[in-house]
Amino acid sequence: MEPVVQPVLELVRRYARTHGPFTLRVVAERFALDTAAVESALRQLAHEGRVLEGGFIPGGIHREWCDAEMLRLIRRKSLARLRREVEPVEQHTLARFLRTGRVC
């Protein structure tokens, strides 16, 4: 455990790297920090391209933040899951479906 120059920035950076989309308030409450300090850290991380700001959670009503790499990971996993849903079925399953007109 070595001292760091900007401890709030490092806390926020670590939190962002290990969590999905989050709000400023969640981080401030988690570490009992002033929201202005957390927002300043998030703005600096956004300027560096490490976090992104936007609406990531469906139905979310607050401004959200997410680590850029975490967002890429979420996107990759979501696309992989969707692709698995539309994979072709085996021929005998398709033939059975076409014969009976129902899902097996």
PDB file of N, CA and C in Angstrom:
ATOM      1  N   MET A   1       0.842  -1.175   0.000  1.00  0.00           N
ATOM      2  CA  MET A   1       0.000   0.000   0.000  1.00  0.00           C
ATOM      3  C   MET A   1       0.891   1.244   0.000  1.00  0.00           C
ATOM      4  N   GLU A   2       1.055   1.799  -1.145  1.00  0.00           N
ATOM      5  CA  GLU A   2       1.858   3.010  -1.265  1.00  0.00           C
ATOM      6  C   GLU A   2       0.938   4.214  -1.403  1.00  0.00           C
ATOM      7  N   PRO A   3       1.346   5.346  -0.850  1.00  0.00           N
ATOM      8  CA  PRO A   3       0.518   6.551  -0.979  1.00  0.00           C
ATOM      9  C   PRO A   3       0.420   6.978  -2.442  1.00  0.00           C
ATOM     10  N   VAL A   4      -0.716   7.564  -2.787  1.00  0.00           N
ATOM     11  CA  VAL A   4      -0.927   8.049  -4.152  1.00  0.00           C
ATOM     12  C   VAL A   4      -1.151   9.556  -4.118  1.00  0.00           C
ATOM     13  N   VAL A   5      -0.899  10.185  -5.222  1.00  0.00           N
ATOM     14  CA  VAL A   5      -1.004  11.639  -5.302  1.00  0.00           C
ATOM     15  C   VAL A   5      -2.468  12.087  -5.232  1.00  0.00           C
ATOM     16  N   GLN A   6      -3.346  11.378  -5.938  1.00  0.00           N
ATOM     17  CA  GLN A   6      -4.768  11.740  -5.978  1.00  0.00           C
ATOM     18  C   GLN A   6      -5.609  10.553  -5.498  1.00  0.00           C
ATOM     19  N   PRO A   7      -5.806  10.407  -4.191  1.00  0.00           N
ATOM     20  CA  PRO A   7      -6.500   9.227  -3.669  1.00  0.00           C
ATOM     21  C   PRO A   7      -7.951   9.098  -4.130  1.00  0.00           C
ATOM     22  N   VAL A   8      -8.673  10.208  -4.226  1.00  0.00           N
ATOM     23  CA  VAL A   8     -10.072  10.129  -4.671  1.00  0.00           C
ATOM     24  C   VAL A   8     -10.127   9.640  -6.110  1.00  0.00           C
ATOM     25  N   LEU A   9      -9.257  10.158  -6.932  1.00  0.00           N
ATOM     26  CA  LEU A   9      -9.205   9.733  -8.334  1.00  0.00           C
ATOM     27  C   LEU A   9      -8.925   8.237  -8.429  1.00  0.00           C
ATOM     28  N   GLU A  10      -7.990   7.746  -7.644  1.00  0.00           N
ATOM     29  CA  GLU A  10      -7.649   6.320  -7.672  1.00  0.00           C
ATOM     30  C   GLU A  10      -8.802   5.451  -7.165  1.00  0.00           C
ATOM     31  N   LEU A  11      -9.493   5.901  -6.114  1.00  0.00           N
ATOM     32  CA  LEU A  11     -10.658   5.147  -5.617  1.00  0.00           C
ATOM     33  C   LEU A  11     -11.730   5.042  -6.689  1.00  0.00           C
ATOM     34  N   VAL A  12     -12.016   6.176  -7.319  1.00  0.00           N
ATOM     35  CA  VAL A  12     -13.058   6.195  -8.350  1.00  0.00           C
ATOM     36  C   VAL A  12     -12.634   5.353  -9.550  1.00  0.00           C
ATOM     37  N   ARG A  13     -11.371   5.437  -9.937  1.00  0.00           N
ATOM     38  CA  ARG A  13     -10.870   4.639 -11.065  1.00  0.00           C
ATOM     39  C   ARG A  13     -11.015   3.142 -10.769  1.00  0.00           C
ATOM     40  N   ARG A  14     -10.625   2.722  -9.583  1.00  0.00           N
ATOM     41  CA  ARG A  14     -10.736   1.300  -9.211  1.00  0.00           C
ATOM     42  C   ARG A  14     -12.183   0.849  -9.162  1.00  0.00           C
ATOM     43  N   TYR A  15     -13.042   1.689  -8.622  1.00  0.00           N
ATOM     44  CA  TYR A  15     -14.462   1.344  -8.557  1.00  0.00           C
ATOM     45  C   TYR A  15     -15.012   1.155  -9.971  1.00  0.00           C
ATOM     46  N   ALA A  16     -14.705   2.091 -10.854  1.00  0.00           N
ATOM     47  CA  ALA A  16     -15.208   2.036 -12.234  1.00  0.00           C
ATOM     48  C   ALA A  16     -14.726   0.780 -12.954  1.00  0.00           C
ATOM     49  N   ARG A  17     -13.469   0.385 -12.711  1.00  0.00           N
ATOM     50  CA  ARG A  17     -12.919  -0.793 -13.395  1.00  0.00           C
ATOM     51  C   ARG A  17     -13.577  -2.089 -12.964  1.00  0.00           C
ATOM     52  N   THR A  18     -14.183  -2.110 -11.793  1.00  0.00           N
ATOM     53  CA  THR A  18     -14.730  -3.363 -11.264  1.00  0.00           C
ATOM     54  C   THR A  18     -16.248  -3.383 -11.176  1.00  0.00           C
ATOM     55  N   HIS A  19     -16.911  -2.341 -11.665  1.00  0.00           N
ATOM     56  CA  HIS A  19     -18.372  -2.284 -11.613  1.00  0.00           C
ATOM     57  C   HIS A  19     -18.918  -1.879 -12.972  1.00  0.00           C
ATOM     58  N   GLY A  20     -20.146  -2.276 -13.207  1.00  0.00           N
ATOM     59  CA  GLY A  20     -20.818  -1.864 -14.432  1.00  0.00           C
ATOM     60  C   GLY A  20     -21.238  -0.409 -14.307  1.00  0.00           C
ATOM     61  N   PRO A  21     -22.175   0.017 -15.124  1.00  0.00           N
ATOM     62  CA  PRO A  21     -22.615   1.413 -15.064  1.00  0.00           C
ATOM     63  C   PRO A  21     -23.056   1.803 -13.647  1.00  0.00           C
ATOM     64  N   PHE A  22     -22.703   3.015 -13.247  1.00  0.00           N
ATOM     65  CA  PHE A  22     -23.008   3.487 -11.902  1.00  0.00           C
ATOM     66  C   PHE A  22     -23.278   4.986 -11.936  1.00  0.00           C
ATOM     67  N   THR A  23     -23.885   5.464 -10.873  1.00  0.00           N
ATOM     68  CA  THR A  23     -24.129   6.901 -10.761  1.00  0.00           C
ATOM     69  C   THR A  23     -23.101   7.525  -9.825  1.00  0.00           C
ATOM     70  N   LEU A  24     -22.969   8.809  -9.942  1.00  0.00           N
ATOM     71  CA  LEU A  24     -22.052   9.561  -9.093  1.00  0.00           C
ATOM     72  C   LEU A  24     -22.418   9.354  -7.623  1.00  0.00           C
ATOM     73  N   ARG A  25     -23.695   9.381  -7.334  1.00  0.00           N
ATOM     74  CA  ARG A  25     -24.174   9.244  -5.942  1.00  0.00           C
ATOM     75  C   ARG A  25     -23.772   7.895  -5.339  1.00  0.00           C
ATOM     76  N   VAL A  26     -23.829   6.830  -6.120  1.00  0.00           N
ATOM     77  CA  VAL A  26     -23.468   5.497  -5.622  1.00  0.00           C
ATOM     78  C   VAL A  26     -22.016   5.482  -5.150  1.00  0.00           C
ATOM     79  N   VAL A  27     -21.126   6.055  -5.942  1.00  0.00           N
ATOM     80  CA  VAL A  27     -19.705   6.082  -5.582  1.00  0.00           C
ATOM     81  C   VAL A  27     -19.479   6.975  -4.365  1.00  0.00           C
ATOM     82  N   ALA A  28     -20.116   8.133  -4.352  1.00  0.00           N
ATOM     83  CA  ALA A  28     -19.956   9.057  -3.224  1.00  0.00           C
ATOM     84  C   ALA A  28     -20.417   8.406  -1.923  1.00  0.00           C
ATOM     85  N   GLU A  29     -21.544   7.704  -1.960  1.00  0.00           N
ATOM     86  CA  GLU A  29     -22.043   7.031  -0.755  1.00  0.00           C
ATOM     87  C   GLU A  29     -21.163   5.849  -0.372  1.00  0.00           C
ATOM     88  N   ARG A  30     -20.684   5.118  -1.360  1.00  0.00           N
ATOM     89  CA  ARG A  30     -19.854   3.935  -1.089  1.00  0.00           C
ATOM     90  C   ARG A  30     -18.592   4.291  -0.307  1.00  0.00           C
ATOM     91  N   PHE A  31     -17.975   5.413  -0.669  1.00  0.00           N
ATOM     92  CA  PHE A  31     -16.726   5.812  -0.020  1.00  0.00           C
ATOM     93  C   PHE A  31     -16.889   6.993   0.930  1.00  0.00           C
ATOM     94  N   ALA A  32     -18.130   7.414   1.188  1.00  0.00           N
ATOM     95  CA  ALA A  32     -18.424   8.550   2.072  1.00  0.00           C
ATOM     96  C   ALA A  32     -17.638   9.798   1.638  1.00  0.00           C
ATOM     97  N   LEU A  33     -17.738  10.112   0.342  1.00  0.00           N
ATOM     98  CA  LEU A  33     -17.027  11.249  -0.225  1.00  0.00           C
ATOM     99  C   LEU A  33     -18.004  12.329  -0.653  1.00  0.00           C
ATOM    100  N   ASP A  34     -17.512  13.518  -0.762  1.00  0.00           N
ATOM    101  CA  ASP A  34     -18.285  14.644  -1.267  1.00  0.00           C
ATOM    102  C   ASP A  34     -18.573  14.414  -2.751  1.00  0.00           C
ATOM    103  N   THR A  35     -19.808  14.682  -3.173  1.00  0.00           N
ATOM    104  CA  THR A  35     -20.158  14.435  -4.573  1.00  0.00           C
ATOM    105  C   THR A  35     -19.346  15.314  -5.530  1.00  0.00           C
ATOM    106  N   ALA A  36     -18.978  16.512  -5.084  1.00  0.00           N
ATOM    107  CA  ALA A  36     -18.167  17.391  -5.946  1.00  0.00           C
ATOM    108  C   ALA A  36     -16.798  16.781  -6.207  1.00  0.00           C
ATOM    109  N   ALA A  37     -16.213  16.144  -5.192  1.00  0.00           N
ATOM    110  CA  ALA A  37     -14.902  15.508  -5.365  1.00  0.00           C
ATOM    111  C   ALA A  37     -15.001  14.320  -6.312  1.00  0.00           C
ATOM    112  N   VAL A  38     -16.078  13.550  -6.172  1.00  0.00           N
ATOM    113  CA  VAL A  38     -16.273  12.383  -7.045  1.00  0.00           C
ATOM    114  C   VAL A  38     -16.526  12.845  -8.477  1.00  0.00           C
ATOM    115  N   GLU A  39     -17.333  13.882  -8.633  1.00  0.00           N
ATOM    116  CA  GLU A  39     -17.607  14.381  -9.982  1.00  0.00           C
ATOM    117  C   GLU A  39     -16.336  14.916 -10.636  1.00  0.00           C
ATOM    118  N   SER A  40     -15.521  15.587  -9.873  1.00  0.00           N
ATOM    119  CA  SER A  40     -14.252  16.094 -10.406  1.00  0.00           C
ATOM    120  C   SER A  40     -13.364  14.939 -10.883  1.00  0.00           C
ATOM    121  N   ALA A  41     -13.301  13.888 -10.088  1.00  0.00           N
ATOM    122  CA  ALA A  41     -12.510  12.706 -10.468  1.00  0.00           C
ATOM    123  C   ALA A  41     -13.084  12.065 -11.726  1.00  0.00           C
ATOM    124  N   LEU A  42     -14.407  11.943 -11.787  1.00  0.00           N
ATOM    125  CA  LEU A  42     -15.039  11.340 -12.963  1.00  0.00           C
ATOM    126  C   LEU A  42     -14.800  12.191 -14.213  1.00  0.00           C
ATOM    127  N   ARG A  43     -14.861  13.494 -14.069  1.00  0.00           N
ATOM    128  CA  ARG A  43     -14.597  14.382 -15.213  1.00  0.00           C
ATOM    129  C   ARG A  43     -13.161  14.208 -15.709  1.00  0.00           C
ATOM    130  N   GLN A  44     -12.222  14.091 -14.774  1.00  0.00           N
ATOM    131  CA  GLN A  44     -10.827  13.903 -15.169  1.00  0.00           C
ATOM    132  C   GLN A  44     -10.640  12.556 -15.876  1.00  0.00           C
ATOM    133  N   LEU A  45     -11.270  11.512 -15.344  1.00  0.00           N
ATOM    134  CA  LEU A  45     -11.184  10.185 -15.970  1.00  0.00           C
ATOM    135  C   LEU A  45     -11.841  10.195 -17.352  1.00  0.00           C
ATOM    136  N   ALA A  46     -12.937  10.928 -17.487  1.00  0.00           N
ATOM    137  CA  ALA A  46     -13.598  11.046 -18.793  1.00  0.00           C
ATOM    138  C   ALA A  46     -12.706  11.780 -19.775  1.00  0.00           C
ATOM    139  N   HIS A  47     -12.041  12.809 -19.309  1.00  0.00           N
ATOM    140  CA  HIS A  47     -11.120  13.565 -20.165  1.00  0.00           C
ATOM    141  C   HIS A  47      -9.974  12.671 -20.651  1.00  0.00           C
ATOM    142  N   GLU A  48      -9.536  11.742 -19.799  1.00  0.00           N
ATOM    143  CA  GLU A  48      -8.463  10.808 -20.154  1.00  0.00           C
ATOM    144  C   GLU A  48      -8.979   9.650 -21.009  1.00  0.00           C
ATOM    145  N   GLY A  49     -10.315   9.548 -21.178  1.00  0.00           N
ATOM    146  CA  GLY A  49     -10.896   8.468 -21.970  1.00  0.00           C
ATOM    147  C   GLY A  49     -11.055   7.164 -21.204  1.00  0.00           C
ATOM    148  N   ARG A  50     -10.939   7.207 -19.899  1.00  0.00           N
ATOM    149  CA  ARG A  50     -11.043   5.985 -19.093  1.00  0.00           C
ATOM    150  C   ARG A  50     -12.477   5.639 -18.716  1.00  0.00           C
ATOM    151  N   VAL A  51     -13.334   6.644 -18.565  1.00  0.00           N
ATOM    152  CA  VAL A  51     -14.741   6.404 -18.282  1.00  0.00           C
ATOM    153  C   VAL A  51     -15.583   7.166 -19.293  1.00  0.00           C
ATOM    154  N   LEU A  52     -16.809   6.691 -19.459  1.00  0.00           N
ATOM    155  CA  LEU A  52     -17.743   7.337 -20.372  1.00  0.00           C
ATOM    156  C   LEU A  52     -18.982   7.733 -19.584  1.00  0.00           C
ATOM    157  N   GLU A  53     -19.601   8.801 -20.020  1.00  0.00           N
ATOM    158  CA  GLU A  53     -20.808   9.297 -19.379  1.00  0.00           C
ATOM    159  C   GLU A  53     -21.969   9.096 -20.337  1.00  0.00           C
ATOM    160  N   GLY A  54     -23.118   8.686 -19.812  1.00  0.00           N
ATOM    161  CA  GLY A  54     -24.271   8.511 -20.678  1.00  0.00           C
ATOM    162  C   GLY A  54     -25.400   7.802 -19.968  1.00  0.00           C
ATOM    163  N   GLY A  55     -26.331   7.300 -20.759  1.00  0.00           N
ATOM    164  CA  GLY A  55     -27.464   6.542 -20.245  1.00  0.00           C
ATOM    165  C   GLY A  55     -27.270   5.077 -20.611  1.00  0.00           C
ATOM    166  N   PHE A  56     -26.738   4.296 -19.697  1.00  0.00           N
ATOM    167  CA  PHE A  56     -26.402   2.904 -19.994  1.00  0.00           C
ATOM    168  C   PHE A  56     -27.429   1.910 -19.456  1.00  0.00           C
ATOM    169  N   ILE A  57     -28.100   2.265 -18.380  1.00  0.00           N
ATOM    170  CA  ILE A  57     -29.049   1.359 -17.741  1.00  0.00           C
ATOM    171  C   ILE A  57     -30.434   1.660 -18.306  1.00  0.00           C
ATOM    172  N   PRO A  58     -31.119   0.668 -18.885  1.00  0.00           N
ATOM    173  CA  PRO A  58     -32.453   0.910 -19.431  1.00  0.00           C
ATOM    174  C   PRO A  58     -33.381   1.478 -18.347  1.00  0.00           C
ATOM    175  N   GLY A  59     -34.064   2.544 -18.691  1.00  0.00           N
ATOM    176  CA  GLY A  59     -34.993   3.161 -17.751  1.00  0.00           C
ATOM    177  C   GLY A  59     -34.321   4.012 -16.687  1.00  0.00           C
ATOM    178  N   GLY A  60     -33.011   4.186 -16.783  1.00  0.00           N
ATOM    179  CA  GLY A  60     -32.294   4.996 -15.803  1.00  0.00           C
ATOM    180  C   GLY A  60     -32.728   6.450 -15.887  1.00  0.00           C
ATOM    181  N   ILE A  61     -32.767   7.116 -14.750  1.00  0.00           N
ATOM    182  CA  ILE A  61     -33.207   8.513 -14.744  1.00  0.00           C
ATOM    183  C   ILE A  61     -32.076   9.462 -14.350  1.00  0.00           C
ATOM    184  N   HIS A  62     -30.934   8.906 -13.988  1.00  0.00           N
ATOM    185  CA  HIS A  62     -29.796   9.723 -13.591  1.00  0.00           C
ATOM    186  C   HIS A  62     -28.663   9.569 -14.594  1.00  0.00           C
ATOM    187  N   ARG A  63     -27.767  10.542 -14.608  1.00  0.00           N
ATOM    188  CA  ARG A  63     -26.568  10.462 -15.432  1.00  0.00           C
ATOM    189  C   ARG A  63     -25.732   9.296 -14.913  1.00  0.00           C
ATOM    190  N   GLU A  64     -25.218   8.495 -15.817  1.00  0.00           N
ATOM    191  CA  GLU A  64     -24.459   7.302 -15.437  1.00  0.00           C
ATOM    192  C   GLU A  64     -23.054   7.362 -16.003  1.00  0.00           C
ATOM    193  N   TRP A  65     -22.177   6.603 -15.376  1.00  0.00           N
ATOM    194  CA  TRP A  65     -20.785   6.528 -15.775  1.00  0.00           C
ATOM    195  C   TRP A  65     -20.406   5.061 -15.894  1.00  0.00           C
ATOM    196  N   CYS A  66     -19.452   4.773 -16.765  1.00  0.00           N
ATOM    197  CA  CYS A  66     -18.980   3.401 -16.912  1.00  0.00           C
ATOM    198  C   CYS A  66     -17.552   3.411 -17.442  1.00  0.00           C
ATOM    199  N   ASP A  67     -16.735   2.519 -16.913  1.00  0.00           N
ATOM    200  CA  ASP A  67     -15.374   2.353 -17.404  1.00  0.00           C
ATOM    201  C   ASP A  67     -15.439   1.931 -18.869  1.00  0.00           C
ATOM    202  N   ALA A  68     -14.594   2.501 -19.691  1.00  0.00           N
ATOM    203  CA  ALA A  68     -14.620   2.223 -21.132  1.00  0.00           C
ATOM    204  C   ALA A  68     -14.390   0.741 -21.426  1.00  0.00           C
ATOM    205  N   GLU A  69     -13.443   0.120 -20.747  1.00  0.00           N
ATOM    206  CA  GLU A  69     -13.174  -1.309 -20.970  1.00  0.00           C
ATOM    207  C   GLU A  69     -14.337  -2.166 -20.476  1.00  0.00           C
ATOM    208  N   MET A  70     -14.923  -1.794 -19.343  1.00  0.00           N
ATOM    209  CA  MET A  70     -16.070  -2.532 -18.815  1.00  0.00           C
ATOM    210  C   MET A  70     -17.230  -2.459 -19.799  1.00  0.00           C
ATOM    211  N   LEU A  71     -17.447  -1.302 -20.395  1.00  0.00           N
ATOM    212  CA  LEU A  71     -18.518  -1.143 -21.370  1.00  0.00           C
ATOM    213  C   LEU A  71     -18.272  -2.019 -22.599  1.00  0.00           C
ATOM    214  N   ARG A  72     -17.021  -2.109 -23.047  1.00  0.00           N
ATOM    215  CA  ARG A  72     -16.698  -2.994 -24.174  1.00  0.00           C
ATOM    216  C   ARG A  72     -16.973  -4.457 -23.822  1.00  0.00           C
ATOM    217  N   LEU A  73     -16.613  -4.836 -22.605  1.00  0.00           N
ATOM    218  CA  LEU A  73     -16.855  -6.210 -22.149  1.00  0.00           C
ATOM    219  C   LEU A  73     -18.353  -6.512 -22.098  1.00  0.00           C
ATOM    220  N   ILE A  74     -19.119  -5.601 -21.551  1.00  0.00           N
ATOM    221  CA  ILE A  74     -20.579  -5.780 -21.488  1.00  0.00           C
ATOM    222  C   ILE A  74     -21.150  -5.921 -22.892  1.00  0.00           C
ATOM    223  N   ARG A  75     -20.686  -5.097 -23.805  1.00  0.00           N
ATOM    224  CA  ARG A  75     -21.179  -5.152 -25.186  1.00  0.00           C
ATOM    225  C   ARG A  75     -20.829  -6.484 -25.841  1.00  0.00           C
ATOM    226  N   ARG A  76     -19.574  -6.930 -25.674  1.00  0.00           N
ATOM    227  CA  ARG A  76     -19.160  -8.214 -26.260  1.00  0.00           C
ATOM    228  C   ARG A  76     -20.006  -9.361 -25.721  1.00  0.00           C
ATOM    229  N   LYS A  77     -20.209  -9.386 -24.416  1.00  0.00           N
ATOM    230  CA  LYS A  77     -20.984 -10.475 -23.811  1.00  0.00           C
ATOM    231  C   LYS A  77     -22.444 -10.421 -24.237  1.00  0.00           C
ATOM    232  N   SER A  78     -22.983  -9.219 -24.350  1.00  0.00           N
ATOM    233  CA  SER A  78     -24.373  -9.075 -24.791  1.00  0.00           C
ATOM    234  C   SER A  78     -24.543  -9.565 -26.224  1.00  0.00           C
ATOM    235  N   LEU A  79     -23.613  -9.189 -27.096  1.00  0.00           N
ATOM    236  CA  LEU A  79     -23.692  -9.643 -28.491  1.00  0.00           C
ATOM    237  C   LEU A  79     -23.536 -11.156 -28.596  1.00  0.00           C
ATOM    238  N   ALA A  80     -22.629 -11.729 -27.820  1.00  0.00           N
ATOM    239  CA  ALA A  80     -22.437 -13.188 -27.837  1.00  0.00           C
ATOM    240  C   ALA A  80     -23.714 -13.889 -27.388  1.00  0.00           C
ATOM    241  N   ARG A  81     -24.350 -13.353 -26.366  1.00  0.00           N
ATOM    242  CA  ARG A  81     -25.596 -13.956 -25.867  1.00  0.00           C
ATOM    243  C   ARG A  81     -26.693 -13.882 -26.926  1.00  0.00           C
ATOM    244  N   LEU A  82     -26.814 -12.739 -27.587  1.00  0.00           N
ATOM    245  CA  LEU A  82     -27.818 -12.597 -28.636  1.00  0.00           C
ATOM    246  C   LEU A  82     -27.530 -13.523 -29.813  1.00  0.00           C
ATOM    247  N   ARG A  83     -26.273 -13.681 -30.162  1.00  0.00           N
ATOM    248  CA  ARG A  83     -25.921 -14.576 -31.269  1.00  0.00           C
ATOM    249  C   ARG A  83     -26.277 -16.022 -30.947  1.00  0.00           C
ATOM    250  N   ARG A  84     -26.078 -16.427 -29.686  1.00  0.00           N
ATOM    251  CA  ARG A  84     -26.435 -17.801 -29.290  1.00  0.00           C
ATOM    252  C   ARG A  84     -27.932 -18.044 -29.420  1.00  0.00           C
ATOM    253  N   GLU A  85     -28.730 -16.992 -29.214  1.00  0.00           N
ATOM    254  CA  GLU A  85     -30.183 -17.131 -29.307  1.00  0.00           C
ATOM    255  C   GLU A  85     -30.661 -17.388 -30.729  1.00  0.00           C
ATOM    256  N   VAL A  86     -29.879 -16.986 -31.709  1.00  0.00           N
ATOM    257  CA  VAL A  86     -30.302 -17.162 -33.098  1.00  0.00           C
ATOM    258  C   VAL A  86     -29.463 -18.198 -33.840  1.00  0.00           C
ATOM    259  N   GLU A  87     -28.749 -19.031 -33.117  1.00  0.00           N
ATOM    260  CA  GLU A  87     -27.963 -20.084 -33.764  1.00  0.00           C
ATOM    261  C   GLU A  87     -28.895 -21.076 -34.444  1.00  0.00           C
ATOM    262  N   PRO A  88     -28.483 -21.637 -35.560  1.00  0.00           N
ATOM    263  CA  PRO A  88     -29.332 -22.627 -36.237  1.00  0.00           C
ATOM    264  C   PRO A  88     -29.474 -23.897 -35.402  1.00  0.00           C
ATOM    265  N   VAL A  89     -30.629 -24.533 -35.543  1.00  0.00           N
ATOM    266  CA  VAL A  89     -30.855 -25.792 -34.832  1.00  0.00           C
ATOM    267  C   VAL A  89     -30.362 -26.949 -35.689  1.00  0.00           C
ATOM    268  N   GLU A  90     -30.246 -28.093 -35.090  1.00  0.00           N
ATOM    269  CA  GLU A  90     -29.820 -29.279 -35.843  1.00  0.00           C
ATOM    270  C   GLU A  90     -30.897 -29.650 -36.858  1.00  0.00           C
ATOM    271  N   GLN A  91     -30.478 -30.338 -37.925  1.00  0.00           N
ATOM    272  CA  GLN A  91     -31.402 -30.667 -39.016  1.00  0.00           C
ATOM    273  C   GLN A  91     -32.577 -31.516 -38.553  1.00  0.00           C
ATOM    274  N   HIS A  92     -32.308 -32.502 -37.693  1.00  0.00           N
ATOM    275  CA  HIS A  92     -33.420 -33.371 -37.275  1.00  0.00           C
ATOM    276  C   HIS A  92     -34.438 -32.599 -36.431  1.00  0.00           C
ATOM    277  N   THR A  93     -34.004 -31.588 -35.702  1.00  0.00           N
ATOM    278  CA  THR A  93     -34.927 -30.766 -34.921  1.00  0.00           C
ATOM    279  C   THR A  93     -35.781 -29.921 -35.858  1.00  0.00           C
ATOM    280  N   LEU A  94     -35.178 -29.360 -36.893  1.00  0.00           N
ATOM    281  CA  LEU A  94     -35.919 -28.582 -37.873  1.00  0.00           C
ATOM    282  C   LEU A  94     -36.918 -29.466 -38.607  1.00  0.00           C
ATOM    283  N   ALA A  95     -36.491 -30.649 -39.001  1.00  0.00           N
ATOM    284  CA  ALA A  95     -37.386 -31.570 -39.720  1.00  0.00           C
ATOM    285  C   ALA A  95     -38.589 -31.942 -38.847  1.00  0.00           C
ATOM    286  N   ARG A  96     -38.339 -32.204 -37.567  1.00  0.00           N
ATOM    287  CA  ARG A  96     -39.426 -32.550 -36.650  1.00  0.00           C
ATOM    288  C   ARG A  96     -40.398 -31.381 -36.512  1.00  0.00           C
ATOM    289  N   PHE A  97     -39.868 -30.183 -36.436  1.00  0.00           N
ATOM    290  CA  PHE A  97     -40.690 -28.993 -36.331  1.00  0.00           C
ATOM    291  C   PHE A  97     -41.552 -28.825 -37.579  1.00  0.00           C
ATOM    292  N   LEU A  98     -40.946 -29.009 -38.741  1.00  0.00           N
ATOM    293  CA  LEU A  98     -41.680 -28.829 -39.990  1.00  0.00           C
ATOM    294  C   LEU A  98     -42.761 -29.889 -40.157  1.00  0.00           C
ATOM    295  N   ARG A  99     -42.492 -31.106 -39.671  1.00  0.00           N
ATOM    296  CA  ARG A  99     -43.486 -32.185 -39.758  1.00  0.00           C
ATOM    297  C   ARG A  99     -44.663 -31.929 -38.836  1.00  0.00           C
ATOM    298  N   THR A 100     -44.389 -31.528 -37.618  1.00  0.00           N
ATOM    299  CA  THR A 100     -45.453 -31.421 -36.618  1.00  0.00           C
ATOM    300  C   THR A 100     -46.003 -30.005 -36.497  1.00  0.00           C
ATOM    301  N   GLY A 101     -45.228 -29.029 -36.909  1.00  0.00           N
ATOM    302  CA  GLY A 101     -45.665 -27.641 -36.812  1.00  0.00           C
ATOM    303  C   GLY A 101     -45.552 -27.077 -35.403  1.00  0.00           C
ATOM    304  N   ARG A 102     -44.788 -27.725 -34.554  1.00  0.00           N
ATOM    305  CA  ARG A 102     -44.605 -27.214 -33.190  1.00  0.00           C
ATOM    306  C   ARG A 102     -43.154 -27.358 -32.776  1.00  0.00           C
ATOM    307  N   VAL A 103     -42.785 -26.635 -31.746  1.00  0.00           N
ATOM    308  CA  VAL A 103     -41.421 -26.661 -31.234  1.00  0.00           C
ATOM    309  C   VAL A 103     -41.228 -27.904 -30.408  1.00  0.00           C
ATOM    310  N   CYS A 104     -40.077 -28.557 -30.581  1.00  0.00           N
ATOM    311  CA  CYS A 104     -39.796 -29.795 -29.854  1.00  0.00           C
ATOM    312  C   CYS A 104     -39.119 -29.504 -28.540  1.00  0.00           C
TER     313      CYS A 104
END
